[in-house]
Amino acid sequence: MAADAVLGDPRRAHPVAGFGVVAAALERRCYADRRGAGVMYTGALVGAAVALGVVGERAVAARPVAGVALTAVATWAVLGGTSLAREGAGLAAELTVVDLVAARARLPSLCGRDPAALDGAGLARAGTESVAENTSDAVVAPLLWGAVAGVPGLLGYRAVNTLDAMVGHRCTRYRRFGWAAARLDDAANLVPARVAAVLFTMLAPAVGGSPRAALAAWRRDARAHPSPNAGAVEAAAAGALGVALGGPTVYPHGVENRPRLGAGLPPTPADLWRVARLSHLVGWASAVLAAGLAAARRSPAA
């Protein structure tokens, strides 16, 4: 976590990017418009990632220092919290000076929406929603999976989440082939998303928000979201910030009308700064929680 805070994502030879290259190559070889093909594709790649973690842990089992180093490197490789907060803050800065060209160029680093279709308000909303959702996906979930399942959990979760981003879309090509990746990602994030929502709620005062408003938005609005996990995180974040999220959302594969989350006005660049700050705090809180869980799992009583 400290390495991620200081260094951010590796600029070259990122392990997750390398996994994506392998996944794309395998997709070209085994793609078929069937769920069964997607199940085998997802199972092979996730299984390989988990197996790599198991082999690594066994190789250092007798060397505690090497085990700590392996866990640290694997954790740094799968985390994306610092880069996420930096991109959110960068987008906020560009929107503050109304540099829409730069803001549209930056948005793909946060989400897969079509930036050309968005004005300043749309970019602010897209950035706020993406920072909130990805705080769970890029920070809270990998830390929790690492806490309960070690290096295999870290690598396996990142494989699942990466495959969901690559093939878990509702477009024609991936509706069947990507089904397994999308459903596995839903299952892997079921608990972490609720933990992230709790942390957004608890830490709302740090950005001038209300835990009561965050909890109310989460309970009232989350179930209307098409994602069983993103709804909880985005609704809690909307309530914590005192803004309203949702509305028409343009992706390359079409337009999705997202439900209203929260009860305030649409987010502004100032709110994007706030959610970046809140994401940073949630990340550190989840690191403390994960460390506690890992210590409990390894204690003699456990």
C-alpha atoms as a PDB file:
ATOM      1  CA  MET A   1       0.000   0.000   0.000  1.00  0.00           C
ATOM      2  CA  ALA A   2       2.879   2.352   0.783  1.00  0.00           C
ATOM      3  CA  ALA A   3       4.536   1.526  -2.549  1.00  0.00           C
ATOM      4  CA  ASP A   4       1.294   2.320  -4.362  1.00  0.00           C
ATOM      5  CA  ALA A   5       1.002   5.607  -2.457  1.00  0.00           C
ATOM      6  CA  VAL A   6       4.529   6.666  -3.431  1.00  0.00           C
ATOM      7  CA  LEU A   7       4.889   5.184  -6.897  1.00  0.00           C
ATOM      8  CA  GLY A   8       1.385   4.626  -8.228  1.00  0.00           C
ATOM      9  CA  ASP A   9       0.973   2.076 -11.008  1.00  0.00           C
ATOM     10  CA  PRO A  10       4.128   0.860 -12.799  1.00  0.00           C
ATOM     11  CA  ARG A  11       4.535   3.000 -15.936  1.00  0.00           C
ATOM     12  CA  ARG A  12       6.106   0.185 -17.937  1.00  0.00           C
ATOM     13  CA  ALA A  13       5.605  -3.573 -17.959  1.00  0.00           C
ATOM     14  CA  HIS A  14       2.554  -3.432 -15.699  1.00  0.00           C
ATOM     15  CA  PRO A  15       1.677  -7.027 -14.727  1.00  0.00           C
ATOM     16  CA  VAL A  16      -2.054  -6.385 -15.148  1.00  0.00           C
ATOM     17  CA  ALA A  17      -1.442  -5.031 -18.650  1.00  0.00           C
ATOM     18  CA  GLY A  18       0.594  -8.146 -19.409  1.00  0.00           C
ATOM     19  CA  PHE A  19      -2.282 -10.310 -18.199  1.00  0.00           C
ATOM     20  CA  GLY A  20      -4.575  -8.341 -20.492  1.00  0.00           C
ATOM     21  CA  VAL A  21      -2.336  -9.047 -23.481  1.00  0.00           C
ATOM     22  CA  VAL A  22      -2.439 -12.769 -22.726  1.00  0.00           C
ATOM     23  CA  ALA A  23      -6.219 -12.666 -22.227  1.00  0.00           C
ATOM     24  CA  ALA A  24      -6.754 -10.856 -25.519  1.00  0.00           C
ATOM     25  CA  ALA A  25      -4.573 -13.372 -27.366  1.00  0.00           C
ATOM     26  CA  LEU A  26      -6.490 -16.288 -25.859  1.00  0.00           C
ATOM     27  CA  GLU A  27      -9.798 -14.644 -26.741  1.00  0.00           C
ATOM     28  CA  ARG A  28      -8.775 -14.449 -30.398  1.00  0.00           C
ATOM     29  CA  ARG A  29      -8.124 -18.189 -30.367  1.00  0.00           C
ATOM     30  CA  CYS A  30     -11.116 -19.482 -28.419  1.00  0.00           C
ATOM     31  CA  TYR A  31     -13.911 -16.912 -28.846  1.00  0.00           C
ATOM     32  CA  ALA A  32     -17.326 -18.332 -29.632  1.00  0.00           C
ATOM     33  CA  ASP A  33     -20.744 -16.814 -29.089  1.00  0.00           C
ATOM     34  CA  ARG A  34     -21.558 -19.309 -26.350  1.00  0.00           C
ATOM     35  CA  ARG A  35     -21.565 -19.239 -22.564  1.00  0.00           C
ATOM     36  CA  GLY A  36     -19.612 -22.486 -22.432  1.00  0.00           C
ATOM     37  CA  ALA A  37     -16.705 -20.973 -24.359  1.00  0.00           C
ATOM     38  CA  GLY A  38     -16.670 -18.010 -21.981  1.00  0.00           C
ATOM     39  CA  VAL A  39     -16.716 -20.307 -18.943  1.00  0.00           C
ATOM     40  CA  MET A  40     -13.644 -22.184 -20.184  1.00  0.00           C
ATOM     41  CA  TYR A  41     -11.869 -18.936 -21.134  1.00  0.00           C
ATOM     42  CA  THR A  42     -12.528 -17.327 -17.753  1.00  0.00           C
ATOM     43  CA  GLY A  43     -11.754 -20.481 -15.804  1.00  0.00           C
ATOM     44  CA  ALA A  44      -8.430 -21.000 -17.578  1.00  0.00           C
ATOM     45  CA  LEU A  45      -7.190 -17.458 -17.010  1.00  0.00           C
ATOM     46  CA  VAL A  46      -8.403 -17.065 -13.428  1.00  0.00           C
ATOM     47  CA  GLY A  47      -7.192 -20.554 -12.580  1.00  0.00           C
ATOM     48  CA  ALA A  48      -3.748 -19.748 -13.979  1.00  0.00           C
ATOM     49  CA  ALA A  49      -3.552 -16.549 -11.903  1.00  0.00           C
ATOM     50  CA  VAL A  50      -4.547 -18.368  -8.714  1.00  0.00           C
ATOM     51  CA  ALA A  51      -2.128 -21.216  -9.458  1.00  0.00           C
ATOM     52  CA  LEU A  52       0.701 -18.713  -9.928  1.00  0.00           C
ATOM     53  CA  GLY A  53      -0.071 -17.277  -6.500  1.00  0.00           C
ATOM     54  CA  VAL A  54      -0.127 -20.740  -4.912  1.00  0.00           C
ATOM     55  CA  VAL A  55       3.210 -21.678  -6.478  1.00  0.00           C
ATOM     56  CA  GLY A  56       4.738 -18.398  -5.349  1.00  0.00           C
ATOM     57  CA  GLU A  57       3.573 -18.798  -1.752  1.00  0.00           C
ATOM     58  CA  ARG A  58       4.835 -22.381  -1.590  1.00  0.00           C
ATOM     59  CA  ALA A  59       8.209 -21.328  -2.962  1.00  0.00           C
ATOM     60  CA  VAL A  60       8.745 -18.875  -0.091  1.00  0.00           C
ATOM     61  CA  ALA A  61       6.919 -20.815   2.639  1.00  0.00           C
ATOM     62  CA  ALA A  62      10.108 -21.473   4.597  1.00  0.00           C
ATOM     63  CA  ARG A  63      11.421 -17.894   4.248  1.00  0.00           C
ATOM     64  CA  PRO A  64       9.228 -15.374   6.098  1.00  0.00           C
ATOM     65  CA  VAL A  65      11.051 -12.304   4.751  1.00  0.00           C
ATOM     66  CA  ALA A  66      10.673 -13.540   1.195  1.00  0.00           C
ATOM     67  CA  GLY A  67       7.010 -14.226   1.910  1.00  0.00           C
ATOM     68  CA  VAL A  68       6.476 -10.658   3.067  1.00  0.00           C
ATOM     69  CA  ALA A  69       8.292  -9.360  -0.023  1.00  0.00           C
ATOM     70  CA  LEU A  70       6.178 -11.516  -2.350  1.00  0.00           C
ATOM     71  CA  THR A  71       2.957 -10.343  -0.713  1.00  0.00           C
ATOM     72  CA  ALA A  72       4.073  -6.715  -0.918  1.00  0.00           C
ATOM     73  CA  VAL A  73       4.970  -6.927  -4.602  1.00  0.00           C
ATOM     74  CA  ALA A  74       1.738  -8.731  -5.460  1.00  0.00           C
ATOM     75  CA  THR A  75      -0.316  -6.189  -3.507  1.00  0.00           C
ATOM     76  CA  TRP A  76       1.379  -3.252  -5.237  1.00  0.00           C
ATOM     77  CA  ALA A  77       0.835  -4.886  -8.619  1.00  0.00           C
ATOM     78  CA  VAL A  78      -2.924  -5.289  -8.173  1.00  0.00           C
ATOM     79  CA  LEU A  79      -3.706  -1.985  -6.436  1.00  0.00           C
ATOM     80  CA  GLY A  80      -4.747   1.109  -8.370  1.00  0.00           C
ATOM     81  CA  GLY A  81      -5.835   3.517  -5.669  1.00  0.00           C
ATOM     82  CA  THR A  82      -3.192   6.208  -6.021  1.00  0.00           C
ATOM     83  CA  SER A  83      -3.458   6.384  -9.794  1.00  0.00           C
ATOM     84  CA  LEU A  84      -7.258   6.450  -9.490  1.00  0.00           C
ATOM     85  CA  ALA A  85      -7.228   9.401  -7.083  1.00  0.00           C
ATOM     86  CA  ARG A  86      -4.634  11.225  -9.205  1.00  0.00           C
ATOM     87  CA  GLU A  87      -6.686  10.802 -12.365  1.00  0.00           C
ATOM     88  CA  GLY A  88      -9.814  11.998 -10.580  1.00  0.00           C
ATOM     89  CA  ALA A  89      -8.003  15.059  -9.241  1.00  0.00           C
ATOM     90  CA  GLY A  90      -6.476  15.711 -12.654  1.00  0.00           C
ATOM     91  CA  LEU A  91      -9.894  15.594 -14.294  1.00  0.00           C
ATOM     92  CA  ALA A  92     -11.214  17.970 -11.658  1.00  0.00           C
ATOM     93  CA  ALA A  93      -8.372  20.415 -12.354  1.00  0.00           C
ATOM     94  CA  GLU A  94      -9.043  20.363 -16.109  1.00  0.00           C
ATOM     95  CA  LEU A  95     -12.768  20.881 -15.626  1.00  0.00           C
ATOM     96  CA  THR A  96     -12.108  23.744 -13.208  1.00  0.00           C
ATOM     97  CA  VAL A  97     -10.327  25.683 -15.976  1.00  0.00           C
ATOM     98  CA  VAL A  98     -12.856  24.406 -18.575  1.00  0.00           C
ATOM     99  CA  ASP A  99     -10.237  22.537 -20.602  1.00  0.00           C
ATOM    100  CA  LEU A 100     -12.679  20.050 -22.099  1.00  0.00           C
ATOM    101  CA  VAL A 101     -10.187  18.747 -24.677  1.00  0.00           C
ATOM    102  CA  ALA A 102      -7.792  17.616 -21.939  1.00  0.00           C
ATOM    103  CA  ALA A 103     -10.654  16.362 -19.765  1.00  0.00           C
ATOM    104  CA  ARG A 104     -12.064  14.218 -22.587  1.00  0.00           C
ATOM    105  CA  ALA A 105      -8.591  12.828 -23.281  1.00  0.00           C
ATOM    106  CA  ARG A 106      -8.202  11.851 -19.619  1.00  0.00           C
ATOM    107  CA  LEU A 107     -11.606  10.238 -19.101  1.00  0.00           C
ATOM    108  CA  PRO A 108     -10.725   6.857 -20.715  1.00  0.00           C
ATOM    109  CA  SER A 109      -8.181   6.325 -17.941  1.00  0.00           C
ATOM    110  CA  LEU A 110     -11.112   6.320 -15.507  1.00  0.00           C
ATOM    111  CA  CYS A 111     -13.945   4.587 -17.373  1.00  0.00           C
ATOM    112  CA  GLY A 112     -15.105   3.184 -20.694  1.00  0.00           C
ATOM    113  CA  ARG A 113     -17.642   5.887 -21.567  1.00  0.00           C
ATOM    114  CA  ASP A 114     -17.582   7.851 -24.812  1.00  0.00           C
ATOM    115  CA  PRO A 115     -15.965  11.191 -23.834  1.00  0.00           C
ATOM    116  CA  ALA A 116     -16.882  12.874 -27.107  1.00  0.00           C
ATOM    117  CA  ALA A 117     -20.556  12.769 -26.101  1.00  0.00           C
ATOM    118  CA  LEU A 118     -19.985  14.539 -22.762  1.00  0.00           C
ATOM    119  CA  ASP A 119     -19.947  18.214 -21.804  1.00  0.00           C
ATOM    120  CA  GLY A 120     -18.373  19.573 -18.620  1.00  0.00           C
ATOM    121  CA  ALA A 121     -21.245  18.452 -16.408  1.00  0.00           C
ATOM    122  CA  GLY A 122     -21.257  15.004 -17.979  1.00  0.00           C
ATOM    123  CA  LEU A 123     -17.520  14.646 -17.504  1.00  0.00           C
ATOM    124  CA  ALA A 124     -17.810  15.659 -13.844  1.00  0.00           C
ATOM    125  CA  ARG A 125     -20.552  13.094 -13.292  1.00  0.00           C
ATOM    126  CA  ALA A 126     -18.663  10.350 -15.138  1.00  0.00           C
ATOM    127  CA  GLY A 127     -15.521  11.038 -13.148  1.00  0.00           C
ATOM    128  CA  THR A 128     -17.342  11.084  -9.815  1.00  0.00           C
ATOM    129  CA  GLU A 129     -19.163   7.820 -10.504  1.00  0.00           C
ATOM    130  CA  SER A 130     -16.027   6.117 -11.796  1.00  0.00           C
ATOM    131  CA  VAL A 131     -13.803   7.168  -8.886  1.00  0.00           C
ATOM    132  CA  ALA A 132     -16.432   5.934  -6.438  1.00  0.00           C
ATOM    133  CA  GLU A 133     -17.000   2.577  -8.130  1.00  0.00           C
ATOM    134  CA  ASN A 134     -13.336   1.928  -8.847  1.00  0.00           C
ATOM    135  CA  THR A 135     -12.346   2.649  -5.258  1.00  0.00           C
ATOM    136  CA  SER A 136     -14.074  -0.625  -4.482  1.00  0.00           C
ATOM    137  CA  ASP A 137     -12.728  -2.511  -7.507  1.00  0.00           C
ATOM    138  CA  ALA A 138      -9.154  -1.193  -7.461  1.00  0.00           C
ATOM    139  CA  VAL A 139      -8.492  -0.875  -3.734  1.00  0.00           C
ATOM    140  CA  VAL A 140     -10.987  -2.317  -1.265  1.00  0.00           C
ATOM    141  CA  ALA A 141     -11.685  -5.618  -3.027  1.00  0.00           C
ATOM    142  CA  PRO A 142      -8.083  -6.652  -3.791  1.00  0.00           C
ATOM    143  CA  LEU A 143      -6.988  -5.790  -0.249  1.00  0.00           C
ATOM    144  CA  LEU A 144      -9.779  -7.853   1.283  1.00  0.00           C
ATOM    145  CA  TRP A 145      -9.147 -10.795  -1.012  1.00  0.00           C
ATOM    146  CA  GLY A 146      -5.464 -10.614  -0.153  1.00  0.00           C
ATOM    147  CA  ALA A 147      -6.321 -10.553   3.547  1.00  0.00           C
ATOM    148  CA  VAL A 148      -8.411 -13.724   3.402  1.00  0.00           C
ATOM    149  CA  ALA A 149      -6.635 -15.665   0.635  1.00  0.00           C
ATOM    150  CA  GLY A 150      -3.085 -14.331   0.422  1.00  0.00           C
ATOM    151  CA  VAL A 151      -1.244 -13.942  -2.864  1.00  0.00           C
ATOM    152  CA  PRO A 152      -3.598 -16.341  -4.713  1.00  0.00           C
ATOM    153  CA  GLY A 153      -6.498 -14.130  -3.611  1.00  0.00           C
ATOM    154  CA  LEU A 154      -4.739 -10.977  -4.807  1.00  0.00           C
ATOM    155  CA  LEU A 155      -3.888 -12.359  -8.231  1.00  0.00           C
ATOM    156  CA  GLY A 156      -7.147 -14.250  -8.670  1.00  0.00           C
ATOM    157  CA  TYR A 157      -9.279 -11.211  -7.861  1.00  0.00           C
ATOM    158  CA  ARG A 158      -7.354  -8.957 -10.217  1.00  0.00           C
ATOM    159  CA  ALA A 159      -7.714 -11.554 -12.985  1.00  0.00           C
ATOM    160  CA  VAL A 160     -11.490 -11.706 -12.448  1.00  0.00           C
ATOM    161  CA  ASN A 161     -11.886  -7.941 -12.402  1.00  0.00           C
ATOM    162  CA  THR A 162      -9.686  -7.455 -15.473  1.00  0.00           C
ATOM    163  CA  LEU A 163     -11.646 -10.024 -17.462  1.00  0.00           C
ATOM    164  CA  ASP A 164     -14.906  -8.352 -16.495  1.00  0.00           C
ATOM    165  CA  ALA A 165     -13.537  -5.052 -17.828  1.00  0.00           C
ATOM    166  CA  MET A 166     -12.452  -6.745 -21.051  1.00  0.00           C
ATOM    167  CA  VAL A 167     -15.361  -9.051 -21.905  1.00  0.00           C
ATOM    168  CA  GLY A 168     -18.067  -8.523 -19.279  1.00  0.00           C
ATOM    169  CA  HIS A 169     -20.068  -6.061 -21.362  1.00  0.00           C
ATOM    170  CA  ARG A 170     -23.700  -6.177 -22.438  1.00  0.00           C
ATOM    171  CA  CYS A 171     -22.825  -5.644 -26.100  1.00  0.00           C
ATOM    172  CA  THR A 172     -23.708  -8.222 -28.739  1.00  0.00           C
ATOM    173  CA  ARG A 173     -20.236  -9.770 -28.927  1.00  0.00           C
ATOM    174  CA  TYR A 174     -19.898 -10.458 -25.200  1.00  0.00           C
ATOM    175  CA  ARG A 175     -23.474 -11.040 -24.037  1.00  0.00           C
ATOM    176  CA  ARG A 176     -22.869 -14.804 -23.927  1.00  0.00           C
ATOM    177  CA  PHE A 177     -19.073 -15.146 -24.062  1.00  0.00           C
ATOM    178  CA  GLY A 178     -18.557 -12.606 -21.270  1.00  0.00           C
ATOM    179  CA  TRP A 179     -21.331 -13.948 -19.038  1.00  0.00           C
ATOM    180  CA  ALA A 180     -19.017 -16.031 -16.841  1.00  0.00           C
ATOM    181  CA  ALA A 181     -16.536 -13.191 -16.288  1.00  0.00           C
ATOM    182  CA  ALA A 182     -19.319 -10.756 -15.401  1.00  0.00           C
ATOM    183  CA  ARG A 183     -21.064 -13.104 -12.981  1.00  0.00           C
ATOM    184  CA  LEU A 184     -17.790 -14.145 -11.326  1.00  0.00           C
ATOM    185  CA  ASP A 185     -16.887 -10.476 -10.875  1.00  0.00           C
ATOM    186  CA  ASP A 186     -20.292  -9.844  -9.288  1.00  0.00           C
ATOM    187  CA  ALA A 187     -19.671 -12.656  -6.810  1.00  0.00           C
ATOM    188  CA  ALA A 188     -16.097 -11.578  -6.037  1.00  0.00           C
ATOM    189  CA  ASN A 189     -17.226  -8.027  -5.283  1.00  0.00           C
ATOM    190  CA  LEU A 190     -20.359  -8.811  -3.305  1.00  0.00           C
ATOM    191  CA  VAL A 191     -18.785  -8.314   0.134  1.00  0.00           C
ATOM    192  CA  PRO A 192     -16.047  -5.790  -0.789  1.00  0.00           C
ATOM    193  CA  ALA A 193     -18.576  -3.419  -2.367  1.00  0.00           C
ATOM    194  CA  ARG A 194     -20.607  -3.336   0.854  1.00  0.00           C
ATOM    195  CA  VAL A 195     -17.434  -2.768   2.872  1.00  0.00           C
ATOM    196  CA  ALA A 196     -16.541   0.107   0.544  1.00  0.00           C
ATOM    197  CA  ALA A 197     -20.026   1.575   0.974  1.00  0.00           C
ATOM    198  CA  VAL A 198     -19.657   1.377   4.760  1.00  0.00           C
ATOM    199  CA  LEU A 199     -16.304   3.172   4.583  1.00  0.00           C
ATOM    200  CA  PHE A 200     -17.690   5.885   2.292  1.00  0.00           C
ATOM    201  CA  THR A 201     -20.483   6.365   4.805  1.00  0.00           C
ATOM    202  CA  MET A 202     -18.234   6.476   7.865  1.00  0.00           C
ATOM    203  CA  LEU A 203     -15.696   8.844   6.297  1.00  0.00           C
ATOM    204  CA  ALA A 204     -18.220  11.282   4.797  1.00  0.00           C
ATOM    205  CA  PRO A 205     -17.455  13.982   7.431  1.00  0.00           C
ATOM    206  CA  ALA A 206     -13.852  14.154   6.145  1.00  0.00           C
ATOM    207  CA  VAL A 207     -15.147  15.852   2.972  1.00  0.00           C
ATOM    208  CA  GLY A 208     -17.930  17.828   4.607  1.00  0.00           C
ATOM    209  CA  GLY A 209     -20.570  15.154   4.098  1.00  0.00           C
ATOM    210  CA  SER A 210     -23.100  13.381   6.283  1.00  0.00           C
ATOM    211  CA  PRO A 211     -22.970   9.688   7.242  1.00  0.00           C
ATOM    212  CA  ARG A 212     -26.742   9.793   7.699  1.00  0.00           C
ATOM    213  CA  ALA A 213     -27.249  11.078   4.147  1.00  0.00           C
ATOM    214  CA  ALA A 214     -24.844   8.474   2.785  1.00  0.00           C
ATOM    215  CA  LEU A 215     -26.643   5.647   4.571  1.00  0.00           C
ATOM    216  CA  ALA A 216     -30.052   6.955   3.443  1.00  0.00           C
ATOM    217  CA  ALA A 217     -28.976   7.127  -0.209  1.00  0.00           C
ATOM    218  CA  TRP A 218     -27.460   3.654  -0.029  1.00  0.00           C
ATOM    219  CA  ARG A 219     -30.601   2.098   1.463  1.00  0.00           C
ATOM    220  CA  ARG A 220     -32.999   3.998  -0.797  1.00  0.00           C
ATOM    221  CA  ASP A 221     -31.284   4.002  -4.193  1.00  0.00           C
ATOM    222  CA  ALA A 222     -28.726   1.206  -4.536  1.00  0.00           C
ATOM    223  CA  ARG A 223     -31.136  -1.532  -5.630  1.00  0.00           C
ATOM    224  CA  ALA A 224     -32.262   0.469  -8.660  1.00  0.00           C
ATOM    225  CA  HIS A 225     -28.757   0.310 -10.181  1.00  0.00           C
ATOM    226  CA  PRO A 226     -28.219  -2.436 -12.820  1.00  0.00           C
ATOM    227  CA  SER A 227     -25.066  -3.593 -11.057  1.00  0.00           C
ATOM    228  CA  PRO A 228     -25.612  -5.451  -7.767  1.00  0.00           C
ATOM    229  CA  ASN A 229     -22.365  -3.980  -6.422  1.00  0.00           C
ATOM    230  CA  ALA A 230     -21.726  -0.617  -8.077  1.00  0.00           C
ATOM    231  CA  GLY A 231     -25.123   0.601  -6.901  1.00  0.00           C
ATOM    232  CA  ALA A 232     -24.179   0.296  -3.228  1.00  0.00           C
ATOM    233  CA  VAL A 233     -20.843   2.083  -3.642  1.00  0.00           C
ATOM    234  CA  GLU A 234     -22.076   4.867  -5.919  1.00  0.00           C
ATOM    235  CA  ALA A 235     -25.204   5.522  -3.843  1.00  0.00           C
ATOM    236  CA  ALA A 236     -23.200   5.755  -0.610  1.00  0.00           C
ATOM    237  CA  ALA A 237     -20.683   8.065  -2.294  1.00  0.00           C
ATOM    238  CA  ALA A 238     -23.473  10.248  -3.706  1.00  0.00           C
ATOM    239  CA  GLY A 239     -25.015  10.589  -0.263  1.00  0.00           C
ATOM    240  CA  ALA A 240     -21.635  11.270   1.340  1.00  0.00           C
ATOM    241  CA  LEU A 241     -20.966  14.063  -1.170  1.00  0.00           C
ATOM    242  CA  GLY A 242     -24.512  15.397  -1.124  1.00  0.00           C
ATOM    243  CA  VAL A 243     -24.870  15.094  -4.915  1.00  0.00           C
ATOM    244  CA  ALA A 244     -27.094  13.235  -7.367  1.00  0.00           C
ATOM    245  CA  LEU A 245     -25.578  10.694  -9.730  1.00  0.00           C
ATOM    246  CA  GLY A 246     -27.130   8.751 -12.597  1.00  0.00           C
ATOM    247  CA  GLY A 247     -28.815   9.564 -15.899  1.00  0.00           C
ATOM    248  CA  PRO A 248     -28.092   8.710 -19.548  1.00  0.00           C
ATOM    249  CA  THR A 249     -24.697   7.012 -19.822  1.00  0.00           C
ATOM    250  CA  VAL A 250     -23.088   6.651 -23.260  1.00  0.00           C
ATOM    251  CA  TYR A 251     -20.857   3.645 -23.921  1.00  0.00           C
ATOM    252  CA  PRO A 252     -19.388   2.503 -27.251  1.00  0.00           C
ATOM    253  CA  HIS A 253     -22.008  -0.277 -27.324  1.00  0.00           C
ATOM    254  CA  GLY A 254     -24.971   2.057 -26.680  1.00  0.00           C
ATOM    255  CA  VAL A 255     -26.754   4.254 -24.153  1.00  0.00           C
ATOM    256  CA  GLU A 256     -27.790   3.061 -20.699  1.00  0.00           C
ATOM    257  CA  ASN A 257     -30.143   5.101 -18.520  1.00  0.00           C
ATOM    258  CA  ARG A 258     -28.820   4.880 -14.985  1.00  0.00           C
ATOM    259  CA  PRO A 259     -31.145   5.486 -12.005  1.00  0.00           C
ATOM    260  CA  ARG A 260     -30.845   8.544  -9.807  1.00  0.00           C
ATOM    261  CA  LEU A 261     -28.570   7.990  -6.825  1.00  0.00           C
ATOM    262  CA  GLY A 262     -28.535  10.585  -4.076  1.00  0.00           C
ATOM    263  CA  ALA A 263     -30.716  13.614  -3.469  1.00  0.00           C
ATOM    264  CA  GLY A 264     -28.591  16.675  -4.305  1.00  0.00           C
ATOM    265  CA  LEU A 265     -27.525  18.541  -7.409  1.00  0.00           C
ATOM    266  CA  PRO A 266     -25.311  16.980 -10.109  1.00  0.00           C
ATOM    267  CA  PRO A 267     -21.608  16.891  -9.178  1.00  0.00           C
ATOM    268  CA  THR A 268     -19.308  19.784 -10.013  1.00  0.00           C
ATOM    269  CA  PRO A 269     -15.503  19.805 -10.405  1.00  0.00           C
ATOM    270  CA  ALA A 270     -15.320  20.669  -6.694  1.00  0.00           C
ATOM    271  CA  ASP A 271     -17.209  17.455  -5.917  1.00  0.00           C
ATOM    272  CA  LEU A 272     -14.766  15.535  -8.088  1.00  0.00           C
ATOM    273  CA  TRP A 273     -11.933  16.862  -5.921  1.00  0.00           C
ATOM    274  CA  ARG A 274     -13.884  15.719  -2.863  1.00  0.00           C
ATOM    275  CA  VAL A 275     -14.518  12.202  -4.138  1.00  0.00           C
ATOM    276  CA  ALA A 276     -10.826  11.839  -5.028  1.00  0.00           C
ATOM    277  CA  ARG A 277      -9.961  12.791  -1.443  1.00  0.00           C
ATOM    278  CA  LEU A 278     -12.603  10.444  -0.069  1.00  0.00           C
ATOM    279  CA  SER A 279     -11.323   7.615  -2.277  1.00  0.00           C
ATOM    280  CA  HIS A 280      -7.833   8.133  -0.859  1.00  0.00           C
ATOM    281  CA  LEU A 281      -9.133   7.934   2.714  1.00  0.00           C
ATOM    282  CA  VAL A 282     -11.277   4.873   2.010  1.00  0.00           C
ATOM    283  CA  GLY A 283      -8.213   3.175   0.555  1.00  0.00           C
ATOM    284  CA  TRP A 284      -6.160   3.661   3.697  1.00  0.00           C
ATOM    285  CA  ALA A 285      -9.043   2.612   5.928  1.00  0.00           C
ATOM    286  CA  SER A 286      -9.457  -0.578   3.919  1.00  0.00           C
ATOM    287  CA  ALA A 287      -5.706  -1.237   4.226  1.00  0.00           C
ATOM    288  CA  VAL A 288      -5.965  -1.079   8.016  1.00  0.00           C
ATOM    289  CA  LEU A 289      -8.992  -3.374   7.917  1.00  0.00           C
ATOM    290  CA  ALA A 290      -7.257  -5.842   5.606  1.00  0.00           C
ATOM    291  CA  ALA A 291      -4.143  -5.907   7.797  1.00  0.00           C
ATOM    292  CA  GLY A 292      -6.326  -6.694  10.806  1.00  0.00           C
ATOM    293  CA  LEU A 293      -8.095  -9.496   8.971  1.00  0.00           C
ATOM    294  CA  ALA A 294      -4.818 -10.971   7.760  1.00  0.00           C
ATOM    295  CA  ALA A 295      -3.355 -10.878  11.256  1.00  0.00           C
ATOM    296  CA  ALA A 296      -6.452 -12.571  12.674  1.00  0.00           C
ATOM    297  CA  ARG A 297      -6.325 -15.252   9.987  1.00  0.00           C
ATOM    298  CA  ARG A 298      -2.689 -16.044  10.793  1.00  0.00           C
ATOM    299  CA  SER A 299      -2.992 -15.953  14.585  1.00  0.00           C
ATOM    300  CA  PRO A 300      -2.564 -19.276  16.470  1.00  0.00           C
ATOM    301  CA  ALA A 301      -6.160 -19.076  17.731  1.00  0.00           C
ATOM    302  CA  ALA A 302      -7.420 -18.895  14.148  1.00  0.00           C
END
